[in-house]
Amino acid sequence: MDGCPSGIELDEEFIQQELNRRRPGQSAISTPRKEGDKVEFLSGIFEGKTTGTPIAFIIWNENQHSSDYDHLKDVYRPSHADYTYQQKYGIRDHRGGGRSSARETASRVVAGAIAKLALRKSGVEITAYTSQVGSIAMPQHYEATDLTLIESNIVRCPDPETAEKMIAYIKQLKMEGDSTGGIISCVIKGVPVGLGEPIFDKLQSRLAQAMLSINATHGFDYGKGFEGVNLKGSEMNDAFVKFGDRVSTRTNNSGGIQGGISNGQDIYFRVLFKPVATIAKKQDTLDIHTNEVELEARGRHDPCVLPRAVPIVEAMAAITLLDLYLTAEKVLD
């Protein structure tokens, strides 16, 4: 990590907790791979605080099974990065996907946790949760939801009834050797007016870039998002109202962002994740010699990435916001 402000108290227990939320092998609906994911800091920290110099850390892989991927050496997995990596670089590491593997997101969670600690001083709170798995979606908006229940179940959905249905569906697909996608929603509270740099660094464009850089993401919207296409301007517009001695809005269809700049309301957005590409079902594909082959993938894979992706979405949101704070020369009290 480079460019991190100095003087941030490094809560290593909090950082490890964030990693624990992402690590594999944590429930019956995730990959059975077991990793401790213990972070070890190497530089940039002194007496429990960031020094302003680059922060280096390492997370060891302790449960790798490279042999699980031997049968994939000469095969292109459908909808995976095998073919594009081979064409772009002329070589690929078939042992788990390399940089296209979600394993690389562990480092994002560490960086995001440090960004969260920096933003905490300014009262910024970032909360993500699973709002949809397959066609099973929460019926209510986040404002009508008790977000303290997110960690009460293994799918990280704050609606208990919906969570049970999601878990049952994921377990069913796991038994069938298949996978599913879904949607993670994220709410950011406490962001002041003025964050975001028009024209090319609009707040929503920076958030979209960050979210779509996460493995398996296929869509991003904020505020009413794509639902807004069904509304008229008179229904979509957020009327300004006086709230005490400050300006507020009666509704928040804009998702806390107007003109690419935060308006002081809650920022909320959704990230769509596709079904996991590597599945145990037989699939038709090609090998590197363009021969038609039938692939039946082996190994330890998630039937649904959403529960483990929740902390990754939060991490990327925190990194993005902290970058914009620093760009705007905001002073973190």
C-alpha atoms as a PDB file:
ATOM      1  CA  MET A   1       0.000   0.000   0.000  1.00  0.00           C
ATOM      2  CA  ASP A   2       1.357   3.388  -0.979  1.00  0.00           C
ATOM      3  CA  GLY A   3       0.066   6.858  -0.130  1.00  0.00           C
ATOM      4  CA  CYS A   4      -1.501   5.815   3.163  1.00  0.00           C
ATOM      5  CA  PRO A   5      -1.716   8.728   5.649  1.00  0.00           C
ATOM      6  CA  SER A   6       0.501   8.601   8.712  1.00  0.00           C
ATOM      7  CA  GLY A   7      -0.734   8.367  12.276  1.00  0.00           C
ATOM      8  CA  ILE A   8      -3.542   5.849  11.733  1.00  0.00           C
ATOM      9  CA  GLU A   9      -3.777   3.487  14.685  1.00  0.00           C
ATOM     10  CA  LEU A  10      -3.438   0.022  13.249  1.00  0.00           C
ATOM     11  CA  ASP A  11      -6.000  -2.263  14.857  1.00  0.00           C
ATOM     12  CA  GLU A  12      -4.540  -5.625  13.802  1.00  0.00           C
ATOM     13  CA  GLU A  13      -7.372  -7.553  15.448  1.00  0.00           C
ATOM     14  CA  PHE A  14      -9.921  -5.653  13.337  1.00  0.00           C
ATOM     15  CA  ILE A  15      -7.884  -6.236  10.162  1.00  0.00           C
ATOM     16  CA  GLN A  16      -7.691  -9.968  10.895  1.00  0.00           C
ATOM     17  CA  GLN A  17     -11.447 -10.086  11.536  1.00  0.00           C
ATOM     18  CA  GLU A  18     -12.028  -8.569   8.106  1.00  0.00           C
ATOM     19  CA  LEU A  19      -9.794 -11.239   6.556  1.00  0.00           C
ATOM     20  CA  ASN A  20     -11.657 -13.936   8.460  1.00  0.00           C
ATOM     21  CA  ARG A  21     -14.891 -12.803   6.797  1.00  0.00           C
ATOM     22  CA  ARG A  22     -13.324 -13.373   3.362  1.00  0.00           C
ATOM     23  CA  ARG A  23     -11.269 -16.492   3.952  1.00  0.00           C
ATOM     24  CA  PRO A  24     -12.247 -19.853   2.436  1.00  0.00           C
ATOM     25  CA  GLY A  25     -13.602 -22.801   4.375  1.00  0.00           C
ATOM     26  CA  GLN A  26     -15.760 -20.766   6.742  1.00  0.00           C
ATOM     27  CA  SER A  27     -19.127 -22.440   6.127  1.00  0.00           C
ATOM     28  CA  ALA A  28     -21.024 -25.269   4.452  1.00  0.00           C
ATOM     29  CA  ILE A  29     -21.797 -23.095   1.408  1.00  0.00           C
ATOM     30  CA  SER A  30     -18.221 -22.042   0.627  1.00  0.00           C
ATOM     31  CA  THR A  31     -15.182 -23.853  -0.722  1.00  0.00           C
ATOM     32  CA  PRO A  32     -13.873 -26.522   1.701  1.00  0.00           C
ATOM     33  CA  ARG A  33     -10.349 -25.156   1.285  1.00  0.00           C
ATOM     34  CA  LYS A  34      -8.891 -24.230   4.690  1.00  0.00           C
ATOM     35  CA  GLU A  35      -6.688 -21.145   4.980  1.00  0.00           C
ATOM     36  CA  GLY A  36      -5.792 -19.273   8.154  1.00  0.00           C
ATOM     37  CA  ASP A  37      -5.201 -16.088   6.121  1.00  0.00           C
ATOM     38  CA  LYS A  38      -2.985 -14.579   8.817  1.00  0.00           C
ATOM     39  CA  VAL A  39      -1.606 -11.204   7.790  1.00  0.00           C
ATOM     40  CA  GLU A  40       2.004 -10.365   8.623  1.00  0.00           C
ATOM     41  CA  PHE A  41       3.071  -6.704   8.359  1.00  0.00           C
ATOM     42  CA  LEU A  42       6.592  -6.069   7.116  1.00  0.00           C
ATOM     43  CA  SER A  43       6.929  -2.280   6.877  1.00  0.00           C
ATOM     44  CA  GLY A  44       5.149   1.045   7.145  1.00  0.00           C
ATOM     45  CA  ILE A  45       4.072   0.483  10.761  1.00  0.00           C
ATOM     46  CA  PHE A  46       5.804   1.776  13.891  1.00  0.00           C
ATOM     47  CA  GLU A  47       4.549   1.530  17.457  1.00  0.00           C
ATOM     48  CA  GLY A  48       1.095   0.536  16.250  1.00  0.00           C
ATOM     49  CA  LYS A  49       0.633   3.462  13.833  1.00  0.00           C
ATOM     50  CA  THR A  50       1.105   4.002  10.118  1.00  0.00           C
ATOM     51  CA  THR A  51       4.231   6.015   9.300  1.00  0.00           C
ATOM     52  CA  GLY A  52       3.166   7.402   5.915  1.00  0.00           C
ATOM     53  CA  THR A  53       5.680   5.189   4.107  1.00  0.00           C
ATOM     54  CA  PRO A  54       4.601   2.212   1.966  1.00  0.00           C
ATOM     55  CA  ILE A  55       2.946  -0.562   3.965  1.00  0.00           C
ATOM     56  CA  ALA A  56       4.094  -4.066   3.012  1.00  0.00           C
ATOM     57  CA  PHE A  57       2.426  -7.215   4.259  1.00  0.00           C
ATOM     58  CA  ILE A  58       2.209 -10.879   3.348  1.00  0.00           C
ATOM     59  CA  ILE A  59      -0.499 -13.554   3.614  1.00  0.00           C
ATOM     60  CA  TRP A  60       0.827 -17.075   3.162  1.00  0.00           C
ATOM     61  CA  ASN A  61      -0.991 -19.771   1.205  1.00  0.00           C
ATOM     62  CA  GLU A  62      -0.901 -22.774   3.523  1.00  0.00           C
ATOM     63  CA  ASN A  63      -3.429 -25.141   1.943  1.00  0.00           C
ATOM     64  CA  GLN A  64      -2.643 -25.091  -1.780  1.00  0.00           C
ATOM     65  CA  HIS A  65      -3.375 -28.196  -3.842  1.00  0.00           C
ATOM     66  CA  SER A  66      -1.733 -27.404  -7.182  1.00  0.00           C
ATOM     67  CA  SER A  67      -2.254 -30.972  -8.400  1.00  0.00           C
ATOM     68  CA  ASP A  68      -6.027 -30.358  -8.384  1.00  0.00           C
ATOM     69  CA  TYR A  69      -5.488 -28.273 -11.519  1.00  0.00           C
ATOM     70  CA  ASP A  70      -3.245 -30.638 -13.516  1.00  0.00           C
ATOM     71  CA  HIS A  71      -6.148 -31.744 -15.725  1.00  0.00           C
ATOM     72  CA  LEU A  72      -6.681 -28.103 -16.748  1.00  0.00           C
ATOM     73  CA  LYS A  73      -3.172 -27.546 -18.111  1.00  0.00           C
ATOM     74  CA  ASP A  74      -4.205 -27.793 -21.752  1.00  0.00           C
ATOM     75  CA  VAL A  75      -7.922 -26.964 -21.444  1.00  0.00           C
ATOM     76  CA  TYR A  76      -9.818 -23.681 -21.643  1.00  0.00           C
ATOM     77  CA  ARG A  77     -12.433 -23.513 -18.900  1.00  0.00           C
ATOM     78  CA  PRO A  78     -15.711 -21.980 -20.158  1.00  0.00           C
ATOM     79  CA  SER A  79     -16.184 -18.321 -19.100  1.00  0.00           C
ATOM     80  CA  HIS A  80     -12.841 -18.355 -17.258  1.00  0.00           C
ATOM     81  CA  ALA A  81      -9.699 -16.329 -17.968  1.00  0.00           C
ATOM     82  CA  ASP A  82      -7.681 -19.240 -19.375  1.00  0.00           C
ATOM     83  CA  TYR A  83      -8.051 -18.358 -23.051  1.00  0.00           C
ATOM     84  CA  THR A  84      -7.665 -14.583 -22.717  1.00  0.00           C
ATOM     85  CA  TYR A  85      -4.586 -14.881 -20.481  1.00  0.00           C
ATOM     86  CA  GLN A  86      -2.993 -17.365 -22.900  1.00  0.00           C
ATOM     87  CA  GLN A  87      -3.629 -15.060 -25.866  1.00  0.00           C
ATOM     88  CA  LYS A  88      -2.510 -11.888 -24.102  1.00  0.00           C
ATOM     89  CA  TYR A  89       0.659 -13.184 -22.435  1.00  0.00           C
ATOM     90  CA  GLY A  90       1.528 -16.298 -24.439  1.00  0.00           C
ATOM     91  CA  ILE A  91       1.731 -18.259 -21.189  1.00  0.00           C
ATOM     92  CA  ARG A  92      -0.558 -18.976 -18.250  1.00  0.00           C
ATOM     93  CA  ASP A  93      -0.282 -20.563 -14.852  1.00  0.00           C
ATOM     94  CA  HIS A  94      -3.019 -23.181 -14.735  1.00  0.00           C
ATOM     95  CA  ARG A  95      -2.529 -23.892 -10.996  1.00  0.00           C
ATOM     96  CA  GLY A  96      -5.549 -22.036  -9.659  1.00  0.00           C
ATOM     97  CA  GLY A  97      -5.929 -19.160 -12.085  1.00  0.00           C
ATOM     98  CA  GLY A  98      -3.052 -16.913 -11.050  1.00  0.00           C
ATOM     99  CA  ARG A  99      -4.034 -13.238 -11.061  1.00  0.00           C
ATOM    100  CA  SER A 100      -7.535 -14.124 -12.258  1.00  0.00           C
ATOM    101  CA  SER A 101      -8.114 -16.072  -9.041  1.00  0.00           C
ATOM    102  CA  ALA A 102     -10.207 -14.523  -6.283  1.00  0.00           C
ATOM    103  CA  ARG A 103      -7.298 -15.405  -3.994  1.00  0.00           C
ATOM    104  CA  GLU A 104      -5.762 -12.030  -4.886  1.00  0.00           C
ATOM    105  CA  THR A 105      -8.661 -10.246  -3.154  1.00  0.00           C
ATOM    106  CA  ALA A 106      -7.217 -11.134   0.258  1.00  0.00           C
ATOM    107  CA  SER A 107      -4.738  -8.267  -0.147  1.00  0.00           C
ATOM    108  CA  ARG A 108      -7.587  -5.890  -1.018  1.00  0.00           C
ATOM    109  CA  VAL A 109      -9.319  -6.734   2.259  1.00  0.00           C
ATOM    110  CA  VAL A 110      -6.207  -5.834   4.266  1.00  0.00           C
ATOM    111  CA  ALA A 111      -5.827  -2.514   2.421  1.00  0.00           C
ATOM    112  CA  GLY A 112      -9.554  -1.867   2.770  1.00  0.00           C
ATOM    113  CA  ALA A 113      -9.469  -2.543   6.498  1.00  0.00           C
ATOM    114  CA  ILE A 114      -6.724   0.068   6.935  1.00  0.00           C
ATOM    115  CA  ALA A 115      -8.759   2.497   4.799  1.00  0.00           C
ATOM    116  CA  LYS A 116     -11.786   1.806   7.025  1.00  0.00           C
ATOM    117  CA  LEU A 117      -9.725   2.676  10.099  1.00  0.00           C
ATOM    118  CA  ALA A 118      -8.697   5.969   8.481  1.00  0.00           C
ATOM    119  CA  LEU A 119     -12.275   6.806   7.444  1.00  0.00           C
ATOM    120  CA  ARG A 120     -13.646   5.866  10.864  1.00  0.00           C
ATOM    121  CA  LYS A 121     -12.134   9.080  12.262  1.00  0.00           C
ATOM    122  CA  SER A 122     -14.404  11.047   9.934  1.00  0.00           C
ATOM    123  CA  GLY A 123     -17.511   9.064  10.895  1.00  0.00           C
ATOM    124  CA  VAL A 124     -17.751   7.138   7.628  1.00  0.00           C
ATOM    125  CA  GLU A 125     -19.413   3.721   7.976  1.00  0.00           C
ATOM    126  CA  ILE A 126     -19.456   1.151   5.146  1.00  0.00           C
ATOM    127  CA  THR A 127     -21.822  -1.830   5.255  1.00  0.00           C
ATOM    128  CA  ALA A 128     -22.343  -4.420   2.531  1.00  0.00           C
ATOM    129  CA  TYR A 129     -24.611  -7.458   2.514  1.00  0.00           C
ATOM    130  CA  THR A 130     -26.030 -10.155   0.259  1.00  0.00           C
ATOM    131  CA  SER A 131     -29.355  -8.901  -1.072  1.00  0.00           C
ATOM    132  CA  GLN A 132     -29.989 -11.484  -3.796  1.00  0.00           C
ATOM    133  CA  VAL A 133     -28.865 -15.014  -4.687  1.00  0.00           C
ATOM    134  CA  GLY A 134     -30.109 -16.293  -8.025  1.00  0.00           C
ATOM    135  CA  SER A 135     -33.751 -15.228  -8.190  1.00  0.00           C
ATOM    136  CA  ILE A 136     -34.098 -15.125  -4.373  1.00  0.00           C
ATOM    137  CA  ALA A 137     -34.085 -11.445  -3.367  1.00  0.00           C
ATOM    138  CA  MET A 138     -34.722  -9.490  -0.191  1.00  0.00           C
ATOM    139  CA  PRO A 139     -38.157  -7.861  -0.459  1.00  0.00           C
ATOM    140  CA  GLN A 140     -37.260  -4.684   1.429  1.00  0.00           C
ATOM    141  CA  HIS A 141     -34.994  -1.666   1.027  1.00  0.00           C
ATOM    142  CA  TYR A 142     -31.954  -1.296   3.293  1.00  0.00           C
ATOM    143  CA  GLU A 143     -33.693   1.456   5.282  1.00  0.00           C
ATOM    144  CA  ALA A 144     -36.334  -1.070   6.365  1.00  0.00           C
ATOM    145  CA  THR A 145     -33.706  -3.671   7.284  1.00  0.00           C
ATOM    146  CA  ASP A 146     -31.829  -4.388  10.508  1.00  0.00           C
ATOM    147  CA  LEU A 147     -28.282  -4.370   9.143  1.00  0.00           C
ATOM    148  CA  THR A 148     -26.907  -5.630  12.466  1.00  0.00           C
ATOM    149  CA  LEU A 149     -28.169  -9.086  11.404  1.00  0.00           C
ATOM    150  CA  ILE A 150     -25.773  -9.378   8.450  1.00  0.00           C
ATOM    151  CA  GLU A 151     -23.288 -11.574  10.316  1.00  0.00           C
ATOM    152  CA  SER A 152     -26.018 -13.686  11.941  1.00  0.00           C
ATOM    153  CA  ASN A 153     -26.047 -16.213   9.087  1.00  0.00           C
ATOM    154  CA  ILE A 154     -23.519 -17.769   6.686  1.00  0.00           C
ATOM    155  CA  VAL A 155     -24.881 -16.075   3.558  1.00  0.00           C
ATOM    156  CA  ARG A 156     -24.581 -12.578   5.117  1.00  0.00           C
ATOM    157  CA  CYS A 157     -28.143 -11.549   4.327  1.00  0.00           C
ATOM    158  CA  PRO A 158     -29.774  -9.329   7.007  1.00  0.00           C
ATOM    159  CA  ASP A 159     -33.252 -10.743   6.334  1.00  0.00           C
ATOM    160  CA  PRO A 160     -33.404 -14.107   8.207  1.00  0.00           C
ATOM    161  CA  GLU A 161     -36.277 -15.556   6.184  1.00  0.00           C
ATOM    162  CA  THR A 162     -34.656 -14.715   2.858  1.00  0.00           C
ATOM    163  CA  ALA A 163     -31.278 -15.948   4.139  1.00  0.00           C
ATOM    164  CA  GLU A 164     -32.690 -19.428   4.845  1.00  0.00           C
ATOM    165  CA  LYS A 165     -33.984 -19.701   1.277  1.00  0.00           C
ATOM    166  CA  MET A 166     -30.643 -18.522  -0.121  1.00  0.00           C
ATOM    167  CA  ILE A 167     -28.678 -21.032   1.936  1.00  0.00           C
ATOM    168  CA  ALA A 168     -30.949 -23.923   0.930  1.00  0.00           C
ATOM    169  CA  TYR A 169     -30.590 -22.980  -2.750  1.00  0.00           C
ATOM    170  CA  ILE A 170     -26.780 -22.728  -2.589  1.00  0.00           C
ATOM    171  CA  LYS A 171     -26.538 -26.092  -0.803  1.00  0.00           C
ATOM    172  CA  GLN A 172     -28.719 -27.658  -3.499  1.00  0.00           C
ATOM    173  CA  LEU A 173     -26.488 -26.302  -6.268  1.00  0.00           C
ATOM    174  CA  LYS A 174     -23.372 -27.463  -4.443  1.00  0.00           C
ATOM    175  CA  MET A 175     -24.752 -31.020  -4.403  1.00  0.00           C
ATOM    176  CA  GLU A 176     -25.542 -30.734  -8.128  1.00  0.00           C
ATOM    177  CA  GLY A 177     -22.038 -29.478  -8.922  1.00  0.00           C
ATOM    178  CA  ASP A 178     -23.376 -26.168 -10.166  1.00  0.00           C
ATOM    179  CA  SER A 179     -23.125 -22.521  -9.106  1.00  0.00           C
ATOM    180  CA  THR A 180     -25.112 -19.302  -8.855  1.00  0.00           C
ATOM    181  CA  GLY A 181     -24.582 -15.554  -8.792  1.00  0.00           C
ATOM    182  CA  GLY A 182     -26.419 -12.704  -7.137  1.00  0.00           C
ATOM    183  CA  ILE A 183     -26.246  -9.143  -5.891  1.00  0.00           C
ATOM    184  CA  ILE A 184     -24.369  -7.486  -3.037  1.00  0.00           C
ATOM    185  CA  SER A 185     -25.761  -4.179  -1.805  1.00  0.00           C
ATOM    186  CA  CYS A 186     -23.621  -1.601  -0.034  1.00  0.00           C
ATOM    187  CA  VAL A 187     -24.551   1.407   2.109  1.00  0.00           C
ATOM    188  CA  ILE A 188     -22.111   4.162   3.048  1.00  0.00           C
ATOM    189  CA  LYS A 189     -23.121   6.546   5.808  1.00  0.00           C
ATOM    190  CA  GLY A 190     -21.401   9.695   7.038  1.00  0.00           C
ATOM    191  CA  VAL A 191     -19.898  10.911   3.759  1.00  0.00           C
ATOM    192  CA  PRO A 192     -19.914  14.739   3.661  1.00  0.00           C
ATOM    193  CA  VAL A 193     -21.013  16.880   0.724  1.00  0.00           C
ATOM    194  CA  GLY A 194     -18.349  17.404  -1.927  1.00  0.00           C
ATOM    195  CA  LEU A 195     -16.565  14.078  -2.456  1.00  0.00           C
ATOM    196  CA  GLY A 196     -15.913  13.315  -6.119  1.00  0.00           C
ATOM    197  CA  GLU A 197     -13.913  15.007  -8.855  1.00  0.00           C
ATOM    198  CA  PRO A 198     -15.719  15.803 -12.118  1.00  0.00           C
ATOM    199  CA  ILE A 199     -15.400  15.009 -14.929  1.00  0.00           C
ATOM    200  CA  PHE A 200     -13.588  11.689 -15.169  1.00  0.00           C
ATOM    201  CA  ASP A 201     -13.285  11.029 -11.442  1.00  0.00           C
ATOM    202  CA  LYS A 202     -16.953  11.267 -10.555  1.00  0.00           C
ATOM    203  CA  LEU A 203     -17.736   9.437  -7.334  1.00  0.00           C
ATOM    204  CA  GLN A 204     -19.976   6.870  -9.030  1.00  0.00           C
ATOM    205  CA  SER A 205     -17.467   6.216 -11.809  1.00  0.00           C
ATOM    206  CA  ARG A 206     -14.674   5.611  -9.303  1.00  0.00           C
ATOM    207  CA  LEU A 207     -16.908   3.276  -7.287  1.00  0.00           C
ATOM    208  CA  ALA A 208     -17.975   1.450 -10.453  1.00  0.00           C
ATOM    209  CA  GLN A 209     -14.368   0.970 -11.550  1.00  0.00           C
ATOM    210  CA  ALA A 210     -13.424  -0.367  -8.113  1.00  0.00           C
ATOM    211  CA  MET A 211     -16.357  -2.773  -7.924  1.00  0.00           C
ATOM    212  CA  LEU A 212     -16.000  -4.066 -11.469  1.00  0.00           C
ATOM    213  CA  SER A 213     -12.331  -4.822 -10.817  1.00  0.00           C
ATOM    214  CA  ILE A 214     -13.448  -7.544  -8.376  1.00  0.00           C
ATOM    215  CA  ASN A 215     -13.481 -11.076  -9.796  1.00  0.00           C
ATOM    216  CA  ALA A 216     -16.836 -12.303 -11.191  1.00  0.00           C
ATOM    217  CA  THR A 217     -18.550  -8.885 -11.152  1.00  0.00           C
ATOM    218  CA  HIS A 218     -20.819  -8.172 -14.107  1.00  0.00           C
ATOM    219  CA  GLY A 219     -22.800  -5.088 -13.165  1.00  0.00           C
ATOM    220  CA  PHE A 220     -23.012  -1.952 -11.004  1.00  0.00           C
ATOM    221  CA  ASP A 221     -25.770   0.521 -10.297  1.00  0.00           C
ATOM    222  CA  TYR A 222     -26.396   3.135  -7.619  1.00  0.00           C
ATOM    223  CA  GLY A 223     -29.435   4.807  -6.137  1.00  0.00           C
ATOM    224  CA  LYS A 224     -32.538   3.665  -7.986  1.00  0.00           C
ATOM    225  CA  GLY A 225     -30.193   2.394 -10.669  1.00  0.00           C
ATOM    226  CA  PHE A 226     -31.795   0.440 -13.499  1.00  0.00           C
ATOM    227  CA  GLU A 227     -35.136   0.565 -11.683  1.00  0.00           C
ATOM    228  CA  GLY A 228     -35.204   4.287 -12.489  1.00  0.00           C
ATOM    229  CA  VAL A 229     -35.991   3.537 -16.131  1.00  0.00           C
ATOM    230  CA  ASN A 230     -39.566   2.803 -15.022  1.00  0.00           C
ATOM    231  CA  LEU A 231     -39.968   6.175 -13.290  1.00  0.00           C
ATOM    232  CA  LYS A 232     -40.869   9.618 -14.624  1.00  0.00           C
ATOM    233  CA  GLY A 233     -38.691  12.610 -13.841  1.00  0.00           C
ATOM    234  CA  SER A 234     -41.279  13.825 -11.360  1.00  0.00           C
ATOM    235  CA  GLU A 235     -40.961  10.510  -9.524  1.00  0.00           C
ATOM    236  CA  MET A 236     -37.189  10.141  -9.780  1.00  0.00           C
ATOM    237  CA  ASN A 237     -36.138  13.666  -8.752  1.00  0.00           C
ATOM    238  CA  ASP A 238     -35.016  14.198  -5.134  1.00  0.00           C
ATOM    239  CA  ALA A 239     -36.698  17.356  -3.848  1.00  0.00           C
ATOM    240  CA  PHE A 240     -34.514  19.594  -1.664  1.00  0.00           C
ATOM    241  CA  VAL A 241     -35.804  20.298   1.839  1.00  0.00           C
ATOM    242  CA  LYS A 242     -34.519  22.167   4.855  1.00  0.00           C
ATOM    243  CA  PHE A 243     -33.349  19.863   7.652  1.00  0.00           C
ATOM    244  CA  GLY A 244     -32.409  21.937  10.694  1.00  0.00           C
ATOM    245  CA  ASP A 245     -29.737  24.335   9.514  1.00  0.00           C
ATOM    246  CA  ARG A 246     -28.679  22.309   6.488  1.00  0.00           C
ATOM    247  CA  VAL A 247     -29.975  21.274   3.074  1.00  0.00           C
ATOM    248  CA  SER A 248     -31.249  17.724   2.654  1.00  0.00           C
ATOM    249  CA  THR A 249     -33.453  15.790   0.223  1.00  0.00           C
ATOM    250  CA  ARG A 250     -36.907  14.335   0.774  1.00  0.00           C
ATOM    251  CA  THR A 251     -35.969  11.123  -1.068  1.00  0.00           C
ATOM    252  CA  ASN A 252     -32.639   9.569  -2.017  1.00  0.00           C
ATOM    253  CA  ASN A 253     -33.224   8.107  -5.464  1.00  0.00           C
ATOM    254  CA  SER A 254     -29.850   9.524  -6.497  1.00  0.00           C
ATOM    255  CA  GLY A 255     -28.079   7.217  -4.048  1.00  0.00           C
ATOM    256  CA  GLY A 256     -26.252  10.077  -2.329  1.00  0.00           C
ATOM    257  CA  ILE A 257     -24.508  11.233  -5.519  1.00  0.00           C
ATOM    258  CA  GLN A 258     -25.497  14.110  -7.807  1.00  0.00           C
ATOM    259  CA  GLY A 259     -23.331  15.433 -10.626  1.00  0.00           C
ATOM    260  CA  GLY A 260     -20.670  12.933  -9.627  1.00  0.00           C
ATOM    261  CA  ILE A 261     -20.348  14.533  -6.176  1.00  0.00           C
ATOM    262  CA  SER A 262     -21.582  13.276  -2.807  1.00  0.00           C
ATOM    263  CA  ASN A 263     -24.587  15.269  -1.553  1.00  0.00           C
ATOM    264  CA  GLY A 264     -24.451  14.265   2.122  1.00  0.00           C
ATOM    265  CA  GLN A 265     -27.113  11.544   1.918  1.00  0.00           C
ATOM    266  CA  ASP A 266     -26.455   7.827   2.293  1.00  0.00           C
ATOM    267  CA  ILE A 267     -24.534   6.436  -0.670  1.00  0.00           C
ATOM    268  CA  TYR A 268     -25.924   3.102  -1.747  1.00  0.00           C
ATOM    269  CA  PHE A 269     -25.150   0.869  -4.691  1.00  0.00           C
ATOM    270  CA  ARG A 270     -25.430  -2.709  -5.897  1.00  0.00           C
ATOM    271  CA  VAL A 271     -22.870  -5.054  -7.439  1.00  0.00           C
ATOM    272  CA  LEU A 272     -23.901  -8.008  -9.589  1.00  0.00           C
ATOM    273  CA  PHE A 273     -21.803 -11.184  -9.402  1.00  0.00           C
ATOM    274  CA  LYS A 274     -22.081 -13.863 -12.057  1.00  0.00           C
ATOM    275  CA  PRO A 275     -22.254 -17.595 -11.226  1.00  0.00           C
ATOM    276  CA  VAL A 276     -18.834 -19.112 -10.458  1.00  0.00           C
ATOM    277  CA  ALA A 277     -17.284 -20.239 -13.751  1.00  0.00           C
ATOM    278  CA  THR A 278     -15.584 -23.395 -12.440  1.00  0.00           C
ATOM    279  CA  ILE A 279     -18.242 -26.025 -11.773  1.00  0.00           C
ATOM    280  CA  ALA A 280     -18.253 -29.823 -11.352  1.00  0.00           C
ATOM    281  CA  LYS A 281     -20.812 -30.415 -14.095  1.00  0.00           C
ATOM    282  CA  LYS A 282     -19.553 -31.678 -17.449  1.00  0.00           C
ATOM    283  CA  GLN A 283     -19.085 -28.883 -19.997  1.00  0.00           C
ATOM    284  CA  ASP A 284     -18.097 -28.789 -23.646  1.00  0.00           C
ATOM    285  CA  THR A 285     -14.964 -26.780 -24.404  1.00  0.00           C
ATOM    286  CA  LEU A 286     -11.731 -26.698 -26.414  1.00  0.00           C
ATOM    287  CA  ASP A 287      -8.144 -27.519 -25.533  1.00  0.00           C
ATOM    288  CA  ILE A 288      -5.129 -25.416 -26.529  1.00  0.00           C
ATOM    289  CA  HIS A 289      -4.930 -27.354 -29.828  1.00  0.00           C
ATOM    290  CA  THR A 290      -8.605 -26.438 -30.580  1.00  0.00           C
ATOM    291  CA  ASN A 291      -9.726 -30.040 -30.107  1.00  0.00           C
ATOM    292  CA  GLU A 292     -13.254 -30.461 -28.772  1.00  0.00           C
ATOM    293  CA  VAL A 293     -13.136 -31.928 -25.268  1.00  0.00           C
ATOM    294  CA  GLU A 294     -15.468 -32.517 -22.359  1.00  0.00           C
ATOM    295  CA  LEU A 295     -14.421 -30.894 -19.107  1.00  0.00           C
ATOM    296  CA  GLU A 296     -15.400 -32.032 -15.634  1.00  0.00           C
ATOM    297  CA  ALA A 297     -13.579 -29.695 -13.267  1.00  0.00           C
ATOM    298  CA  ARG A 298     -12.170 -30.958  -9.996  1.00  0.00           C
ATOM    299  CA  GLY A 299     -10.916 -29.068  -6.951  1.00  0.00           C
ATOM    300  CA  ARG A 300     -12.397 -26.929  -4.192  1.00  0.00           C
ATOM    301  CA  HIS A 301     -14.633 -24.158  -5.494  1.00  0.00           C
ATOM    302  CA  ASP A 302     -17.391 -21.928  -4.125  1.00  0.00           C
ATOM    303  CA  PRO A 303     -20.901 -22.649  -5.431  1.00  0.00           C
ATOM    304  CA  CYS A 304     -21.620 -18.961  -4.743  1.00  0.00           C
ATOM    305  CA  VAL A 305     -19.035 -16.246  -4.090  1.00  0.00           C
ATOM    306  CA  LEU A 306     -21.374 -13.688  -2.536  1.00  0.00           C
ATOM    307  CA  PRO A 307     -20.956 -14.432   1.197  1.00  0.00           C
ATOM    308  CA  ARG A 308     -17.162 -14.140   0.920  1.00  0.00           C
ATOM    309  CA  ALA A 309     -17.368 -11.157  -1.449  1.00  0.00           C
ATOM    310  CA  VAL A 310     -19.215  -8.942   1.061  1.00  0.00           C
ATOM    311  CA  PRO A 311     -15.999  -7.811   2.841  1.00  0.00           C
ATOM    312  CA  ILE A 312     -14.296  -7.348  -0.551  1.00  0.00           C
ATOM    313  CA  VAL A 313     -16.998  -4.908  -1.686  1.00  0.00           C
ATOM    314  CA  GLU A 314     -16.628  -3.012   1.592  1.00  0.00           C
ATOM    315  CA  ALA A 315     -12.844  -2.949   1.198  1.00  0.00           C
ATOM    316  CA  MET A 316     -12.919  -1.552  -2.330  1.00  0.00           C
ATOM    317  CA  ALA A 317     -15.474   1.080  -1.284  1.00  0.00           C
ATOM    318  CA  ALA A 318     -13.210   2.141   1.597  1.00  0.00           C
ATOM    319  CA  ILE A 319     -10.111   2.327  -0.612  1.00  0.00           C
ATOM    320  CA  THR A 320     -12.000   4.412  -3.191  1.00  0.00           C
ATOM    321  CA  LEU A 321     -13.371   6.852  -0.629  1.00  0.00           C
ATOM    322  CA  LEU A 322     -10.037   7.305   1.119  1.00  0.00           C
ATOM    323  CA  ASP A 323      -8.364   7.991  -2.231  1.00  0.00           C
ATOM    324  CA  LEU A 324     -10.974  10.670  -2.964  1.00  0.00           C
ATOM    325  CA  TYR A 325     -10.604  12.171   0.511  1.00  0.00           C
ATOM    326  CA  LEU A 326      -6.879  12.511  -0.077  1.00  0.00           C
ATOM    327  CA  THR A 327      -7.367  13.837  -3.622  1.00  0.00           C
ATOM    328  CA  ALA A 328      -9.733  16.456  -2.263  1.00  0.00           C
ATOM    329  CA  GLU A 329      -7.162  17.281   0.429  1.00  0.00           C
ATOM    330  CA  LYS A 330      -9.666  16.512   3.155  1.00  0.00           C
ATOM    331  CA  VAL A 331      -8.172  16.473   6.641  1.00  0.00           C
ATOM    332  CA  LEU A 332      -9.061  13.318   8.555  1.00  0.00           C
ATOM    333  CA  ASP A 333      -9.554  14.522  12.099  1.00  0.00           C
END
